[in-house]
Amino acid sequence: HRVYQKRDFGNQSLKCKYFALFAM
């Protein structure tokens, strides 16, 4: 929720984690 609220889509560590979750 905080990533979308702050538009923090450039954080590479979080992007890797959540894209892995999206894949699963």
mmCIF file of all heavy atoms, coordinates in Angstrom:
data_MODEL
# 
_entry.id   MODEL 
# 
loop_
_atom_site.group_PDB 
_atom_site.id 
_atom_site.type_symbol 
_atom_site.label_atom_id 
_atom_site.label_alt_id 
_atom_site.label_comp_id 
_atom_site.label_asym_id 
_atom_site.label_entity_id 
_atom_site.label_seq_id 
_atom_site.pdbx_PDB_ins_code 
_atom_site.Cartn_x 
_atom_site.Cartn_y 
_atom_site.Cartn_z 
_atom_site.occupancy 
_atom_site.B_iso_or_equiv 
_atom_site.pdbx_formal_charge 
_atom_site.auth_seq_id 
_atom_site.auth_comp_id 
_atom_site.auth_asym_id 
_atom_site.auth_atom_id 
_atom_site.pdbx_PDB_model_num 
ATOM 1   N N   . HIS A 1 1  ? 0.833  -1.207  0.000   1.00 0.00 ? 1  HIS A N   1 
ATOM 2   C CA  . HIS A 1 1  ? 0.000  0.000   0.000   1.00 0.00 ? 1  HIS A CA  1 
ATOM 3   C C   . HIS A 1 1  ? 0.864  1.253   0.000   1.00 0.00 ? 1  HIS A C   1 
ATOM 4   O O   . HIS A 1 1  ? 0.576  2.221   -0.724  1.00 0.00 ? 1  HIS A O   1 
ATOM 5   C CB  . HIS A 1 1  ? -0.925 0.001   1.218   1.00 0.00 ? 1  HIS A CB  1 
ATOM 6   C CG  . HIS A 1 1  ? -2.157 -0.820  1.042   1.00 0.00 ? 1  HIS A CG  1 
ATOM 7   N ND1 . HIS A 1 1  ? -3.284 -0.357  0.399   1.00 0.00 ? 1  HIS A ND1 1 
ATOM 8   C CD2 . HIS A 1 1  ? -2.445 -2.092  1.423   1.00 0.00 ? 1  HIS A CD2 1 
ATOM 9   C CE1 . HIS A 1 1  ? -4.214 -1.289  0.387   1.00 0.00 ? 1  HIS A CE1 1 
ATOM 10  N NE2 . HIS A 1 1  ? -3.731 -2.360  1.007   1.00 0.00 ? 1  HIS A NE2 1 
ATOM 11  N N   . ARG A 1 2  ? 1.932  1.272   0.799   1.00 0.00 ? 2  ARG A N   1 
ATOM 12  C CA  . ARG A 1 2  ? 2.786  2.461   0.873   1.00 0.00 ? 2  ARG A CA  1 
ATOM 13  C C   . ARG A 1 2  ? 3.500  2.715   -0.450  1.00 0.00 ? 2  ARG A C   1 
ATOM 14  O O   . ARG A 1 2  ? 3.701  3.875   -0.851  1.00 0.00 ? 2  ARG A O   1 
ATOM 15  C CB  . ARG A 1 2  ? 3.809  2.310   1.996   1.00 0.00 ? 2  ARG A CB  1 
ATOM 16  C CG  . ARG A 1 2  ? 3.202  2.383   3.389   1.00 0.00 ? 2  ARG A CG  1 
ATOM 17  C CD  . ARG A 1 2  ? 4.260  2.686   4.440   1.00 0.00 ? 2  ARG A CD  1 
ATOM 18  N NE  . ARG A 1 2  ? 5.237  1.613   4.556   1.00 0.00 ? 2  ARG A NE  1 
ATOM 19  C CZ  . ARG A 1 2  ? 5.119  0.585   5.389   1.00 0.00 ? 2  ARG A CZ  1 
ATOM 20  N NH1 . ARG A 1 2  ? 4.042  0.496   6.173   1.00 0.00 ? 2  ARG A NH1 1 
ATOM 21  N NH2 . ARG A 1 2  ? 6.047  -0.336  5.452   1.00 0.00 ? 2  ARG A NH2 1 
ATOM 22  N N   . VAL A 1 3  ? 3.905  1.650   -1.148  1.00 0.00 ? 3  VAL A N   1 
ATOM 23  C CA  . VAL A 1 3  ? 4.568  1.809   -2.444  1.00 0.00 ? 3  VAL A CA  1 
ATOM 24  C C   . VAL A 1 3  ? 3.650  2.529   -3.420  1.00 0.00 ? 3  VAL A C   1 
ATOM 25  O O   . VAL A 1 3  ? 4.067  3.447   -4.141  1.00 0.00 ? 3  VAL A O   1 
ATOM 26  C CB  . VAL A 1 3  ? 4.992  0.431   -3.007  1.00 0.00 ? 3  VAL A CB  1 
ATOM 27  C CG1 . VAL A 1 3  ? 5.385  0.553   -4.485  1.00 0.00 ? 3  VAL A CG1 1 
ATOM 28  C CG2 . VAL A 1 3  ? 6.141  -0.147  -2.210  1.00 0.00 ? 3  VAL A CG2 1 
ATOM 29  N N   . TYR A 1 4  ? 2.373  2.164   -3.434  1.00 0.00 ? 4  TYR A N   1 
ATOM 30  C CA  . TYR A 1 4  ? 1.432  2.797   -4.361  1.00 0.00 ? 4  TYR A CA  1 
ATOM 31  C C   . TYR A 1 4  ? 1.040  4.196   -3.899  1.00 0.00 ? 4  TYR A C   1 
ATOM 32  O O   . TYR A 1 4  ? 0.801  5.087   -4.723  1.00 0.00 ? 4  TYR A O   1 
ATOM 33  C CB  . TYR A 1 4  ? 0.197  1.913   -4.520  1.00 0.00 ? 4  TYR A CB  1 
ATOM 34  C CG  . TYR A 1 4  ? 0.400  0.801   -5.521  1.00 0.00 ? 4  TYR A CG  1 
ATOM 35  C CD1 . TYR A 1 4  ? 1.007  -0.391  -5.137  1.00 0.00 ? 4  TYR A CD1 1 
ATOM 36  C CD2 . TYR A 1 4  ? 0.010  0.946   -6.847  1.00 0.00 ? 4  TYR A CD2 1 
ATOM 37  C CE1 . TYR A 1 4  ? 1.208  -1.421  -6.049  1.00 0.00 ? 4  TYR A CE1 1 
ATOM 38  C CE2 . TYR A 1 4  ? 0.205  -0.068  -7.772  1.00 0.00 ? 4  TYR A CE2 1 
ATOM 39  C CZ  . TYR A 1 4  ? 0.809  -1.247  -7.370  1.00 0.00 ? 4  TYR A CZ  1 
ATOM 40  O OH  . TYR A 1 4  ? 1.019  -2.256  -8.277  1.00 0.00 ? 4  TYR A OH  1 
ATOM 41  N N   . GLN A 1 5  ? 0.983  4.388   -2.590  1.00 0.00 ? 5  GLN A N   1 
ATOM 42  C CA  . GLN A 1 5  ? 0.640  5.715   -2.080  1.00 0.00 ? 5  GLN A CA  1 
ATOM 43  C C   . GLN A 1 5  ? 1.739  6.721   -2.385  1.00 0.00 ? 5  GLN A C   1 
ATOM 44  O O   . GLN A 1 5  ? 1.475  7.855   -2.791  1.00 0.00 ? 5  GLN A O   1 
ATOM 45  C CB  . GLN A 1 5  ? 0.387  5.645   -0.575  1.00 0.00 ? 5  GLN A CB  1 
ATOM 46  C CG  . GLN A 1 5  ? -0.918 4.978   -0.191  1.00 0.00 ? 5  GLN A CG  1 
ATOM 47  C CD  . GLN A 1 5  ? -1.070 4.845   1.315   1.00 0.00 ? 5  GLN A CD  1 
ATOM 48  O OE1 . GLN A 1 5  ? -0.145 5.141   2.082   1.00 0.00 ? 5  GLN A OE1 1 
ATOM 49  N NE2 . GLN A 1 5  ? -2.251 4.391   1.747   1.00 0.00 ? 5  GLN A NE2 1 
ATOM 50  N N   . LYS A 1 6  ? 3.004  6.294   -2.215  1.00 0.00 ? 6  LYS A N   1 
ATOM 51  C CA  . LYS A 1 6  ? 4.144  7.191   -2.418  1.00 0.00 ? 6  LYS A CA  1 
ATOM 52  C C   . LYS A 1 6  ? 4.693  7.132   -3.839  1.00 0.00 ? 6  LYS A C   1 
ATOM 53  O O   . LYS A 1 6  ? 5.645  7.852   -4.153  1.00 0.00 ? 6  LYS A O   1 
ATOM 54  C CB  . LYS A 1 6  ? 5.260  6.848   -1.431  1.00 0.00 ? 6  LYS A CB  1 
ATOM 55  C CG  . LYS A 1 6  ? 4.866  7.016   0.029   1.00 0.00 ? 6  LYS A CG  1 
ATOM 56  C CD  . LYS A 1 6  ? 6.039  6.658   0.942   1.00 0.00 ? 6  LYS A CD  1 
ATOM 57  C CE  . LYS A 1 6  ? 5.673  6.838   2.409   1.00 0.00 ? 6  LYS A CE  1 
ATOM 58  N NZ  . LYS A 1 6  ? 6.816  6.483   3.308   1.00 0.00 ? 6  LYS A NZ  1 
ATOM 59  N N   . ARG A 1 7  ? 4.104  6.260   -4.662  1.00 0.00 ? 7  ARG A N   1 
ATOM 60  C CA  . ARG A 1 7  ? 4.586  6.065   -6.036  1.00 0.00 ? 7  ARG A CA  1 
ATOM 61  C C   . ARG A 1 7  ? 6.074  5.699   -6.034  1.00 0.00 ? 7  ARG A C   1 
ATOM 62  O O   . ARG A 1 7  ? 6.852  6.123   -6.902  1.00 0.00 ? 7  ARG A O   1 
ATOM 63  C CB  . ARG A 1 7  ? 4.363  7.324   -6.875  1.00 0.00 ? 7  ARG A CB  1 
ATOM 64  C CG  . ARG A 1 7  ? 2.963  7.919   -6.783  1.00 0.00 ? 7  ARG A CG  1 
ATOM 65  C CD  . ARG A 1 7  ? 1.922  6.994   -7.345  1.00 0.00 ? 7  ARG A CD  1 
ATOM 66  N NE  . ARG A 1 7  ? 2.089  6.757   -8.780  1.00 0.00 ? 7  ARG A NE  1 
ATOM 67  C CZ  . ARG A 1 7  ? 1.341  5.903   -9.496  1.00 0.00 ? 7  ARG A CZ  1 
ATOM 68  N NH1 . ARG A 1 7  ? 0.389  5.183   -8.888  1.00 0.00 ? 7  ARG A NH1 1 
ATOM 69  N NH2 . ARG A 1 7  ? 1.547  5.751   -10.793 1.00 0.00 ? 7  ARG A NH2 1 
ATOM 70  N N   . ASP A 1 8  ? 6.467  4.886   -5.064  1.00 0.00 ? 8  ASP A N   1 
ATOM 71  C CA  . ASP A 1 8  ? 7.866  4.507   -4.901  1.00 0.00 ? 8  ASP A CA  1 
ATOM 72  C C   . ASP A 1 8  ? 8.176  3.281   -5.756  1.00 0.00 ? 8  ASP A C   1 
ATOM 73  O O   . ASP A 1 8  ? 8.633  2.241   -5.262  1.00 0.00 ? 8  ASP A O   1 
ATOM 74  C CB  . ASP A 1 8  ? 8.146  4.219   -3.421  1.00 0.00 ? 8  ASP A CB  1 
ATOM 75  C CG  . ASP A 1 8  ? 9.624  4.007   -3.144  1.00 0.00 ? 8  ASP A CG  1 
ATOM 76  O OD1 . ASP A 1 8  ? 10.446 4.381   -3.994  1.00 0.00 ? 8  ASP A OD1 1 
ATOM 77  O OD2 . ASP A 1 8  ? 9.956  3.445   -2.071  1.00 0.00 ? 8  ASP A OD2 1 
ATOM 78  N N   . PHE A 1 9  ? 7.947  3.408   -7.074  1.00 0.00 ? 9  PHE A N   1 
ATOM 79  C CA  . PHE A 1 9  ? 8.122  2.272   -7.960  1.00 0.00 ? 9  PHE A CA  1 
ATOM 80  C C   . PHE A 1 9  ? 9.568  2.078   -8.414  1.00 0.00 ? 9  PHE A C   1 
ATOM 81  O O   . PHE A 1 9  ? 9.881  1.113   -9.102  1.00 0.00 ? 9  PHE A O   1 
ATOM 82  C CB  . PHE A 1 9  ? 7.236  2.429   -9.202  1.00 0.00 ? 9  PHE A CB  1 
ATOM 83  C CG  . PHE A 1 9  ? 5.771  2.505   -8.868  1.00 0.00 ? 9  PHE A CG  1 
ATOM 84  C CD1 . PHE A 1 9  ? 4.980  3.522   -9.380  1.00 0.00 ? 9  PHE A CD1 1 
ATOM 85  C CD2 . PHE A 1 9  ? 5.181  1.563   -8.034  1.00 0.00 ? 9  PHE A CD2 1 
ATOM 86  C CE1 . PHE A 1 9  ? 3.628  3.596   -9.086  1.00 0.00 ? 9  PHE A CE1 1 
ATOM 87  C CE2 . PHE A 1 9  ? 3.827  1.619   -7.733  1.00 0.00 ? 9  PHE A CE2 1 
ATOM 88  C CZ  . PHE A 1 9  ? 3.047  2.647   -8.252  1.00 0.00 ? 9  PHE A CZ  1 
ATOM 89  N N   . GLY A 1 10 ? 10.456 2.998   -8.026  1.00 0.00 ? 10 GLY A N   1 
ATOM 90  C CA  . GLY A 1 10 ? 11.854 2.886   -8.445  1.00 0.00 ? 10 GLY A CA  1 
ATOM 91  C C   . GLY A 1 10 ? 12.728 2.140   -7.460  1.00 0.00 ? 10 GLY A C   1 
ATOM 92  O O   . GLY A 1 10 ? 13.906 1.909   -7.740  1.00 0.00 ? 10 GLY A O   1 
ATOM 93  N N   . ASN A 1 11 ? 12.185 1.763   -6.306  1.00 0.00 ? 11 ASN A N   1 
ATOM 94  C CA  . ASN A 1 11 ? 12.965 1.020   -5.317  1.00 0.00 ? 11 ASN A CA  1 
ATOM 95  C C   . ASN A 1 11 ? 13.235 -0.386  -5.853  1.00 0.00 ? 11 ASN A C   1 
ATOM 96  O O   . ASN A 1 11 ? 12.337 -1.224  -5.949  1.00 0.00 ? 11 ASN A O   1 
ATOM 97  C CB  . ASN A 1 11 ? 12.190 0.959   -3.998  1.00 0.00 ? 11 ASN A CB  1 
ATOM 98  C CG  . ASN A 1 11 ? 13.022 0.364   -2.875  1.00 0.00 ? 11 ASN A CG  1 
ATOM 99  O OD1 . ASN A 1 11 ? 13.708 -0.637  -3.039  1.00 0.00 ? 11 ASN A OD1 1 
ATOM 100 N ND2 . ASN A 1 11 ? 12.953 0.994   -1.702  1.00 0.00 ? 11 ASN A ND2 1 
ATOM 101 N N   . GLN A 1 12 ? 14.503 -0.648  -6.218  1.00 0.00 ? 12 GLN A N   1 
ATOM 102 C CA  . GLN A 1 12 ? 14.846 -1.902  -6.886  1.00 0.00 ? 12 GLN A CA  1 
ATOM 103 C C   . GLN A 1 12 ? 14.642 -3.127  -5.993  1.00 0.00 ? 12 GLN A C   1 
ATOM 104 O O   . GLN A 1 12 ? 14.203 -4.181  -6.462  1.00 0.00 ? 12 GLN A O   1 
ATOM 105 C CB  . GLN A 1 12 ? 16.306 -1.848  -7.360  1.00 0.00 ? 12 GLN A CB  1 
ATOM 106 C CG  . GLN A 1 12 ? 16.592 -0.728  -8.352  1.00 0.00 ? 12 GLN A CG  1 
ATOM 107 C CD  . GLN A 1 12 ? 15.804 -0.884  -9.647  1.00 0.00 ? 12 GLN A CD  1 
ATOM 108 O OE1 . GLN A 1 12 ? 16.048 -1.805  -10.410 1.00 0.00 ? 12 GLN A OE1 1 
ATOM 109 N NE2 . GLN A 1 12 ? 14.871 0.018   -9.896  1.00 0.00 ? 12 GLN A NE2 1 
ATOM 110 N N   . SER A 1 13 ? 14.940 -3.018  -4.721  1.00 0.00 ? 13 SER A N   1 
ATOM 111 C CA  . SER A 1 13 ? 14.785 -4.152  -3.797  1.00 0.00 ? 13 SER A CA  1 
ATOM 112 C C   . SER A 1 13 ? 13.318 -4.541  -3.661  1.00 0.00 ? 13 SER A C   1 
ATOM 113 O O   . SER A 1 13 ? 12.961 -5.721  -3.747  1.00 0.00 ? 13 SER A O   1 
ATOM 114 C CB  . SER A 1 13 ? 15.375 -3.807  -2.433  1.00 0.00 ? 13 SER A CB  1 
ATOM 115 O OG  . SER A 1 13 ? 16.765 -3.603  -2.519  1.00 0.00 ? 13 SER A OG  1 
ATOM 116 N N   . LEU A 1 14 ? 12.463 -3.528  -3.456  1.00 0.00 ? 14 LEU A N   1 
ATOM 117 C CA  . LEU A 1 14 ? 11.034 -3.819  -3.311  1.00 0.00 ? 14 LEU A CA  1 
ATOM 118 C C   . LEU A 1 14 ? 10.433 -4.296  -4.632  1.00 0.00 ? 14 LEU A C   1 
ATOM 119 O O   . LEU A 1 14 ? 9.562  -5.175  -4.651  1.00 0.00 ? 14 LEU A O   1 
ATOM 120 C CB  . LEU A 1 14 ? 10.298 -2.573  -2.813  1.00 0.00 ? 14 LEU A CB  1 
ATOM 121 C CG  . LEU A 1 14 ? 10.584 -2.152  -1.361  1.00 0.00 ? 14 LEU A CG  1 
ATOM 122 C CD1 . LEU A 1 14 ? 9.809  -0.887  -1.009  1.00 0.00 ? 14 LEU A CD1 1 
ATOM 123 C CD2 . LEU A 1 14 ? 10.203 -3.280  -0.407  1.00 0.00 ? 14 LEU A CD2 1 
ATOM 124 N N   . LYS A 1 15 ? 10.902 -3.717  -5.733  1.00 0.00 ? 15 LYS A N   1 
ATOM 125 C CA  . LYS A 1 15 ? 10.385 -4.133  -7.036  1.00 0.00 ? 15 LYS A CA  1 
ATOM 126 C C   . LYS A 1 15 ? 10.694 -5.610  -7.284  1.00 0.00 ? 15 LYS A C   1 
ATOM 127 O O   . LYS A 1 15 ? 9.840  -6.367  -7.766  1.00 0.00 ? 15 LYS A O   1 
ATOM 128 C CB  . LYS A 1 15 ? 10.995 -3.268  -8.137  1.00 0.00 ? 15 LYS A CB  1 
ATOM 129 C CG  . LYS A 1 15 ? 10.459 -3.603  -9.528  1.00 0.00 ? 15 LYS A CG  1 
ATOM 130 C CD  . LYS A 1 15 ? 11.055 -2.672  -10.581 1.00 0.00 ? 15 LYS A CD  1 
ATOM 131 C CE  . LYS A 1 15 ? 10.495 -3.004  -11.968 1.00 0.00 ? 15 LYS A CE  1 
ATOM 132 N NZ  . LYS A 1 15 ? 11.062 -2.112  -13.027 1.00 0.00 ? 15 LYS A NZ  1 
ATOM 133 N N   . CYS A 1 16 ? 11.898 -6.036  -6.939  1.00 0.00 ? 16 CYS A N   1 
ATOM 134 C CA  . CYS A 1 16 ? 12.278 -7.437  -7.122  1.00 0.00 ? 16 CYS A CA  1 
ATOM 135 C C   . CYS A 1 16 ? 11.381 -8.346  -6.281  1.00 0.00 ? 16 CYS A C   1 
ATOM 136 O O   . CYS A 1 16 ? 10.880 -9.368  -6.782  1.00 0.00 ? 16 CYS A O   1 
ATOM 137 C CB  . CYS A 1 16 ? 13.747 -7.627  -6.733  1.00 0.00 ? 16 CYS A CB  1 
ATOM 138 S SG  . CYS A 1 16 ? 14.338 -9.319  -6.899  1.00 0.00 ? 16 CYS A SG  1 
ATOM 139 N N   . LYS A 1 17 ? 11.169 -7.982  -5.030  1.00 0.00 ? 17 LYS A N   1 
ATOM 140 C CA  . LYS A 1 17 ? 10.354 -8.809  -4.140  1.00 0.00 ? 17 LYS A CA  1 
ATOM 141 C C   . LYS A 1 17 ? 8.912  -8.900  -4.630  1.00 0.00 ? 17 LYS A C   1 
ATOM 142 O O   . LYS A 1 17 ? 8.332  -10.001 -4.711  1.00 0.00 ? 17 LYS A O   1 
ATOM 143 C CB  . LYS A 1 17 ? 10.395 -8.238  -2.730  1.00 0.00 ? 17 LYS A CB  1 
ATOM 144 C CG  . LYS A 1 17 ? 9.464  -8.934  -1.746  1.00 0.00 ? 17 LYS A CG  1 
ATOM 145 C CD  . LYS A 1 17 ? 9.554  -8.319  -0.363  1.00 0.00 ? 17 LYS A CD  1 
ATOM 146 C CE  . LYS A 1 17 ? 8.558  -8.950  0.599   1.00 0.00 ? 17 LYS A CE  1 
ATOM 147 N NZ  . LYS A 1 17 ? 8.676  -8.379  1.974   1.00 0.00 ? 17 LYS A NZ  1 
ATOM 148 N N   . TYR A 1 18 ? 8.317  -7.762  -4.974  1.00 0.00 ? 18 TYR A N   1 
ATOM 149 C CA  . TYR A 1 18 ? 6.897  -7.775  -5.341  1.00 0.00 ? 18 TYR A CA  1 
ATOM 150 C C   . TYR A 1 18 ? 6.671  -8.343  -6.743  1.00 0.00 ? 18 TYR A C   1 
ATOM 151 O O   . TYR A 1 18 ? 5.646  -8.988  -6.989  1.00 0.00 ? 18 TYR A O   1 
ATOM 152 C CB  . TYR A 1 18 ? 6.305  -6.377  -5.202  1.00 0.00 ? 18 TYR A CB  1 
ATOM 153 C CG  . TYR A 1 18 ? 6.016  -6.038  -3.761  1.00 0.00 ? 18 TYR A CG  1 
ATOM 154 C CD1 . TYR A 1 18 ? 6.847  -5.199  -3.047  1.00 0.00 ? 18 TYR A CD1 1 
ATOM 155 C CD2 . TYR A 1 18 ? 4.926  -6.602  -3.105  1.00 0.00 ? 18 TYR A CD2 1 
ATOM 156 C CE1 . TYR A 1 18 ? 6.601  -4.905  -1.707  1.00 0.00 ? 18 TYR A CE1 1 
ATOM 157 C CE2 . TYR A 1 18 ? 4.669  -6.318  -1.773  1.00 0.00 ? 18 TYR A CE2 1 
ATOM 158 C CZ  . TYR A 1 18 ? 5.512  -5.479  -1.082  1.00 0.00 ? 18 TYR A CZ  1 
ATOM 159 O OH  . TYR A 1 18 ? 5.261  -5.217  0.241   1.00 0.00 ? 18 TYR A OH  1 
ATOM 160 N N   . PHE A 1 19 ? 7.623  -8.168  -7.639  1.00 0.00 ? 19 PHE A N   1 
ATOM 161 C CA  . PHE A 1 19 ? 7.474  -8.811  -8.946  1.00 0.00 ? 19 PHE A CA  1 
ATOM 162 C C   . PHE A 1 19 ? 7.562  -10.332 -8.806  1.00 0.00 ? 19 PHE A C   1 
ATOM 163 O O   . PHE A 1 19 ? 6.891  -11.072 -9.535  1.00 0.00 ? 19 PHE A O   1 
ATOM 164 C CB  . PHE A 1 19 ? 8.526  -8.289  -9.921  1.00 0.00 ? 19 PHE A CB  1 
ATOM 165 C CG  . PHE A 1 19 ? 8.090  -7.047  -10.665 1.00 0.00 ? 19 PHE A CG  1 
ATOM 166 C CD1 . PHE A 1 19 ? 7.336  -6.061  -10.021 1.00 0.00 ? 19 PHE A CD1 1 
ATOM 167 C CD2 . PHE A 1 19 ? 8.408  -6.853  -11.990 1.00 0.00 ? 19 PHE A CD2 1 
ATOM 168 C CE1 . PHE A 1 19 ? 6.928  -4.916  -10.698 1.00 0.00 ? 19 PHE A CE1 1 
ATOM 169 C CE2 . PHE A 1 19 ? 8.000  -5.716  -12.681 1.00 0.00 ? 19 PHE A CE2 1 
ATOM 170 C CZ  . PHE A 1 19 ? 7.264  -4.747  -12.032 1.00 0.00 ? 19 PHE A CZ  1 
ATOM 171 N N   . ALA A 1 20 ? 8.380  -10.809 -7.882  1.00 0.00 ? 20 ALA A N   1 
ATOM 172 C CA  . ALA A 1 20 ? 8.432  -12.251 -7.614  1.00 0.00 ? 20 ALA A CA  1 
ATOM 173 C C   . ALA A 1 20 ? 7.100  -12.729 -7.049  1.00 0.00 ? 20 ALA A C   1 
ATOM 174 O O   . ALA A 1 20 ? 6.608  -13.806 -7.410  1.00 0.00 ? 20 ALA A O   1 
ATOM 175 C CB  . ALA A 1 20 ? 9.570  -12.568 -6.652  1.00 0.00 ? 20 ALA A CB  1 
ATOM 176 N N   . LEU A 1 21 ? 6.493  -11.920 -6.173  1.00 0.00 ? 21 LEU A N   1 
ATOM 177 C CA  . LEU A 1 21 ? 5.175  -12.261 -5.643  1.00 0.00 ? 21 LEU A CA  1 
ATOM 178 C C   . LEU A 1 21 ? 4.106  -12.210 -6.728  1.00 0.00 ? 21 LEU A C   1 
ATOM 179 O O   . LEU A 1 21 ? 3.211  -13.065 -6.782  1.00 0.00 ? 21 LEU A O   1 
ATOM 180 C CB  . LEU A 1 21 ? 4.816  -11.312 -4.502  1.00 0.00 ? 21 LEU A CB  1 
ATOM 181 C CG  . LEU A 1 21 ? 5.510  -11.566 -3.159  1.00 0.00 ? 21 LEU A CG  1 
ATOM 182 C CD1 . LEU A 1 21 ? 5.295  -10.386 -2.205  1.00 0.00 ? 21 LEU A CD1 1 
ATOM 183 C CD2 . LEU A 1 21 ? 4.993  -12.853 -2.517  1.00 0.00 ? 21 LEU A CD2 1 
ATOM 184 N N   . PHE A 1 22 ? 4.188  -11.201 -7.616  1.00 0.00 ? 22 PHE A N   1 
ATOM 185 C CA  . PHE A 1 22 ? 3.229  -11.127 -8.718  1.00 0.00 ? 22 PHE A CA  1 
ATOM 186 C C   . PHE A 1 22 ? 3.340  -12.370 -9.607  1.00 0.00 ? 22 PHE A C   1 
ATOM 187 O O   . PHE A 1 22 ? 2.321  -12.905 -10.082 1.00 0.00 ? 22 PHE A O   1 
ATOM 188 C CB  . PHE A 1 22 ? 3.479  -9.873  -9.565  1.00 0.00 ? 22 PHE A CB  1 
ATOM 189 C CG  . PHE A 1 22 ? 3.270  -8.572  -8.833  1.00 0.00 ? 22 PHE A CG  1 
ATOM 190 C CD1 . PHE A 1 22 ? 3.868  -7.394  -9.283  1.00 0.00 ? 22 PHE A CD1 1 
ATOM 191 C CD2 . PHE A 1 22 ? 2.487  -8.514  -7.683  1.00 0.00 ? 22 PHE A CD2 1 
ATOM 192 C CE1 . PHE A 1 22 ? 3.670  -6.193  -8.624  1.00 0.00 ? 22 PHE A CE1 1 
ATOM 193 C CE2 . PHE A 1 22 ? 2.294  -7.310  -7.004  1.00 0.00 ? 22 PHE A CE2 1 
ATOM 194 C CZ  . PHE A 1 22 ? 2.893  -6.151  -7.472  1.00 0.00 ? 22 PHE A CZ  1 
ATOM 195 N N   . ALA A 1 23 ? 4.567  -12.816 -9.847  1.00 0.00 ? 23 ALA A N   1 
ATOM 196 C CA  . ALA A 1 23 ? 4.769  -14.002 -10.683 1.00 0.00 ? 23 ALA A CA  1 
ATOM 197 C C   . ALA A 1 23 ? 4.098  -15.221 -10.063 1.00 0.00 ? 23 ALA A C   1 
ATOM 198 O O   . ALA A 1 23 ? 3.382  -15.970 -10.744 1.00 0.00 ? 23 ALA A O   1 
ATOM 199 C CB  . ALA A 1 23 ? 6.270  -14.257 -10.867 1.00 0.00 ? 23 ALA A CB  1 
ATOM 200 N N   . MET A 1 24 ? 4.305  -15.420 -8.775  1.00 0.00 ? 24 MET A N   1 
ATOM 201 C CA  . MET A 1 24 ? 3.699  -16.563 -8.100  1.00 0.00 ? 24 MET A CA  1 
ATOM 202 C C   . MET A 1 24 ? 2.182  -16.433 -8.071  1.00 0.00 ? 24 MET A C   1 
ATOM 203 O O   . MET A 1 24 ? 1.452  -17.415 -8.251  1.00 0.00 ? 24 MET A O   1 
ATOM 204 C CB  . MET A 1 24 ? 4.252  -16.699 -6.689  1.00 0.00 ? 24 MET A CB  1 
ATOM 205 C CG  . MET A 1 24 ? 5.729  -17.036 -6.647  1.00 0.00 ? 24 MET A CG  1 
ATOM 206 S SD  . MET A 1 24 ? 6.259  -17.540 -5.007  1.00 0.00 ? 24 MET A SD  1 
ATOM 207 C CE  . MET A 1 24 ? 5.351  -19.060 -4.836  1.00 0.00 ? 24 MET A CE  1 
# 
